[in-house]
N, C-alpha and C. Protein backbone atom coordinates (compact mmCIF):
# COMPACT_ATOMS: atom_id res chain seq x y z
N MET A 1 0.93 -2.79 0.33
CA MET A 1 0.53 -3.38 -0.92
C MET A 1 -0.17 -4.70 -0.64
N GLU A 2 -1.27 -4.90 -1.26
CA GLU A 2 -2.06 -6.10 -1.06
C GLU A 2 -1.74 -7.13 -2.14
N ILE A 3 -1.51 -8.36 -1.69
CA ILE A 3 -1.22 -9.45 -2.63
C ILE A 3 -2.53 -10.14 -2.94
N HIS A 4 -2.81 -10.33 -4.26
CA HIS A 4 -4.13 -10.80 -4.66
C HIS A 4 -4.20 -12.26 -5.06
N ASP A 5 -3.12 -12.84 -5.51
CA ASP A 5 -3.25 -14.23 -5.95
C ASP A 5 -1.97 -15.02 -5.67
N GLU A 6 -2.07 -16.31 -5.92
CA GLU A 6 -0.96 -17.22 -5.62
C GLU A 6 0.29 -16.90 -6.43
N LEU A 7 0.12 -16.46 -7.67
CA LEU A 7 1.27 -16.12 -8.51
C LEU A 7 2.06 -14.97 -7.89
N GLU A 8 1.36 -13.96 -7.40
CA GLU A 8 2.03 -12.84 -6.74
C GLU A 8 2.78 -13.31 -5.49
N ILE A 9 2.16 -14.20 -4.75
CA ILE A 9 2.81 -14.74 -3.55
C ILE A 9 4.09 -15.47 -3.94
N GLU A 10 4.04 -16.28 -4.98
CA GLU A 10 5.23 -17.00 -5.44
C GLU A 10 6.32 -16.03 -5.89
N ILE A 11 5.94 -14.97 -6.58
CA ILE A 11 6.92 -13.98 -7.04
C ILE A 11 7.61 -13.34 -5.85
N PHE A 12 6.84 -12.87 -4.88
CA PHE A 12 7.44 -12.23 -3.71
C PHE A 12 8.26 -13.21 -2.88
N HIS A 13 7.82 -14.44 -2.78
CA HIS A 13 8.57 -15.47 -2.04
C HIS A 13 9.91 -15.74 -2.75
N THR A 14 9.89 -15.82 -4.06
CA THR A 14 11.12 -16.06 -4.82
C THR A 14 12.07 -14.88 -4.68
N LEU A 15 11.55 -13.66 -4.74
CA LEU A 15 12.39 -12.48 -4.54
C LEU A 15 13.05 -12.50 -3.16
N GLU A 16 12.30 -12.88 -2.16
CA GLU A 16 12.85 -12.97 -0.80
C GLU A 16 13.94 -14.03 -0.73
N ASN A 17 13.73 -15.16 -1.37
CA ASN A 17 14.75 -16.21 -1.39
C ASN A 17 16.03 -15.74 -2.09
N ILE A 18 15.88 -15.00 -3.18
CA ILE A 18 17.05 -14.46 -3.87
C ILE A 18 17.80 -13.50 -2.95
N ARG A 19 17.08 -12.67 -2.25
CA ARG A 19 17.71 -11.72 -1.31
C ARG A 19 18.49 -12.47 -0.24
N ARG A 20 17.93 -13.52 0.30
CA ARG A 20 18.62 -14.32 1.33
C ARG A 20 19.88 -14.98 0.77
N VAL A 21 19.78 -15.53 -0.43
CA VAL A 21 20.93 -16.19 -1.05
C VAL A 21 22.03 -15.17 -1.31
N GLU A 22 21.68 -13.98 -1.77
CA GLU A 22 22.67 -12.94 -1.98
C GLU A 22 23.39 -12.60 -0.68
N GLY A 23 22.65 -12.56 0.42
CA GLY A 23 23.25 -12.32 1.73
C GLY A 23 24.23 -13.41 2.11
N MET A 24 23.86 -14.65 1.83
CA MET A 24 24.75 -15.77 2.13
C MET A 24 26.01 -15.73 1.26
N ILE A 25 25.84 -15.34 0.01
CA ILE A 25 27.02 -15.21 -0.87
C ILE A 25 27.96 -14.16 -0.31
N ARG A 26 27.43 -12.99 0.06
CA ARG A 26 28.26 -11.92 0.64
C ARG A 26 28.97 -12.41 1.89
N LYS A 27 28.23 -13.10 2.75
CA LYS A 27 28.79 -13.60 4.01
C LYS A 27 29.96 -14.54 3.74
N HIS A 28 29.79 -15.46 2.81
CA HIS A 28 30.84 -16.44 2.54
C HIS A 28 32.02 -15.84 1.79
N VAL A 29 31.76 -14.86 0.94
CA VAL A 29 32.87 -14.18 0.25
C VAL A 29 33.70 -13.41 1.28
N GLU A 30 33.03 -12.70 2.17
CA GLU A 30 33.74 -11.93 3.20
C GLU A 30 34.52 -12.85 4.14
N ALA A 31 33.98 -14.03 4.43
CA ALA A 31 34.65 -14.99 5.31
C ALA A 31 35.70 -15.80 4.57
N LYS A 32 35.82 -15.56 3.28
CA LYS A 32 36.77 -16.28 2.44
C LYS A 32 36.57 -17.80 2.55
N SER A 33 35.29 -18.17 2.47
CA SER A 33 34.91 -19.59 2.51
C SER A 33 35.42 -20.29 1.26
N GLU A 34 35.31 -21.60 1.27
CA GLU A 34 35.73 -22.39 0.11
C GLU A 34 34.89 -22.00 -1.10
N ASN A 35 35.53 -22.04 -2.26
CA ASN A 35 34.83 -21.68 -3.50
C ASN A 35 33.64 -22.60 -3.76
N LEU A 36 33.72 -23.85 -3.32
CA LEU A 36 32.62 -24.79 -3.54
C LEU A 36 31.33 -24.27 -2.91
N ILE A 37 31.42 -23.77 -1.70
CA ILE A 37 30.24 -23.24 -1.00
C ILE A 37 29.69 -22.03 -1.74
N ILE A 38 30.58 -21.12 -2.11
CA ILE A 38 30.17 -19.91 -2.82
C ILE A 38 29.53 -20.28 -4.15
N ASN A 39 30.14 -21.22 -4.86
CA ASN A 39 29.60 -21.65 -6.16
C ASN A 39 28.21 -22.27 -6.01
N GLN A 40 27.99 -23.01 -4.92
CA GLN A 40 26.68 -23.61 -4.69
C GLN A 40 25.62 -22.53 -4.49
N TYR A 41 25.94 -21.50 -3.72
CA TYR A 41 24.99 -20.41 -3.51
C TYR A 41 24.75 -19.63 -4.80
N GLU A 42 25.81 -19.43 -5.58
CA GLU A 42 25.64 -18.73 -6.86
C GLU A 42 24.78 -19.54 -7.82
N SER A 43 24.94 -20.86 -7.79
CA SER A 43 24.11 -21.74 -8.62
C SER A 43 22.65 -21.66 -8.18
N LEU A 44 22.43 -21.66 -6.87
CA LEU A 44 21.08 -21.54 -6.33
C LEU A 44 20.46 -20.21 -6.74
N LYS A 45 21.25 -19.13 -6.68
CA LYS A 45 20.74 -17.82 -7.08
C LYS A 45 20.34 -17.84 -8.55
N LYS A 46 21.14 -18.48 -9.38
CA LYS A 46 20.82 -18.56 -10.81
C LYS A 46 19.52 -19.32 -11.03
N GLU A 47 19.33 -20.42 -10.30
CA GLU A 47 18.09 -21.20 -10.42
C GLU A 47 16.89 -20.38 -9.96
N LEU A 48 17.04 -19.66 -8.85
CA LEU A 48 15.94 -18.83 -8.35
C LEU A 48 15.63 -17.69 -9.32
N SER A 49 16.66 -17.13 -9.93
CA SER A 49 16.45 -16.06 -10.91
C SER A 49 15.68 -16.58 -12.11
N GLN A 50 15.98 -17.79 -12.55
CA GLN A 50 15.25 -18.38 -13.66
C GLN A 50 13.79 -18.66 -13.26
N GLN A 51 13.61 -19.12 -12.02
CA GLN A 51 12.25 -19.35 -11.52
C GLN A 51 11.48 -18.04 -11.50
N LEU A 52 12.12 -16.96 -11.06
CA LEU A 52 11.48 -15.65 -11.03
C LEU A 52 11.11 -15.20 -12.44
N ALA A 53 12.03 -15.38 -13.38
CA ALA A 53 11.75 -15.00 -14.77
C ALA A 53 10.55 -15.77 -15.31
N ASP A 54 10.48 -17.05 -15.00
CA ASP A 54 9.34 -17.86 -15.44
C ASP A 54 8.02 -17.36 -14.83
N LEU A 55 8.06 -17.05 -13.54
CA LEU A 55 6.86 -16.55 -12.86
C LEU A 55 6.42 -15.21 -13.45
N LEU A 56 7.38 -14.32 -13.67
CA LEU A 56 7.05 -13.01 -14.23
C LEU A 56 6.55 -13.15 -15.67
N SER A 57 7.12 -14.07 -16.42
CA SER A 57 6.64 -14.32 -17.78
C SER A 57 5.19 -14.78 -17.75
N ASN A 58 4.88 -15.65 -16.82
CA ASN A 58 3.51 -16.14 -16.65
C ASN A 58 2.57 -14.99 -16.28
N ALA A 59 3.00 -14.15 -15.37
CA ALA A 59 2.16 -13.07 -14.87
C ALA A 59 1.89 -12.01 -15.92
N THR A 60 2.86 -11.79 -16.79
CA THR A 60 2.73 -10.69 -17.75
C THR A 60 2.48 -11.14 -19.18
N ASN A 61 2.44 -12.45 -19.40
CA ASN A 61 2.26 -13.01 -20.73
C ASN A 61 3.30 -12.49 -21.72
N THR A 62 4.53 -12.32 -21.23
CA THR A 62 5.66 -11.91 -22.06
C THR A 62 6.83 -12.82 -21.74
N ASN A 63 7.92 -12.64 -22.47
CA ASN A 63 9.12 -13.41 -22.21
C ASN A 63 10.07 -12.57 -21.38
N VAL A 64 10.22 -12.89 -20.10
CA VAL A 64 11.08 -12.15 -19.20
C VAL A 64 12.38 -12.93 -19.02
N GLN A 65 13.49 -12.21 -19.09
CA GLN A 65 14.79 -12.80 -18.83
C GLN A 65 15.47 -11.97 -17.74
N ILE A 66 16.18 -12.67 -16.84
CA ILE A 66 16.86 -12.01 -15.75
C ILE A 66 18.32 -12.43 -15.78
N ALA A 67 19.19 -11.44 -15.79
CA ALA A 67 20.63 -11.74 -15.74
C ALA A 67 21.00 -11.97 -14.28
N ALA A 68 21.65 -13.09 -14.05
CA ALA A 68 22.03 -13.41 -12.66
C ALA A 68 23.53 -13.42 -12.51
């Protein structure tokens, strides 16, 4: 798939960041890390999800919402 513009690049970059954060959440849950660390990653995922929703809203000229 060919990426054509900066908005598409930002969307794919944000999706990749969400994937990485989800991996870190899984890792810390499995390691039974402190809740503070897990909560920080979950907060970051929520922020990235909102960023993705904003980017997709821009790209499609609609109101996109993402449940995180």
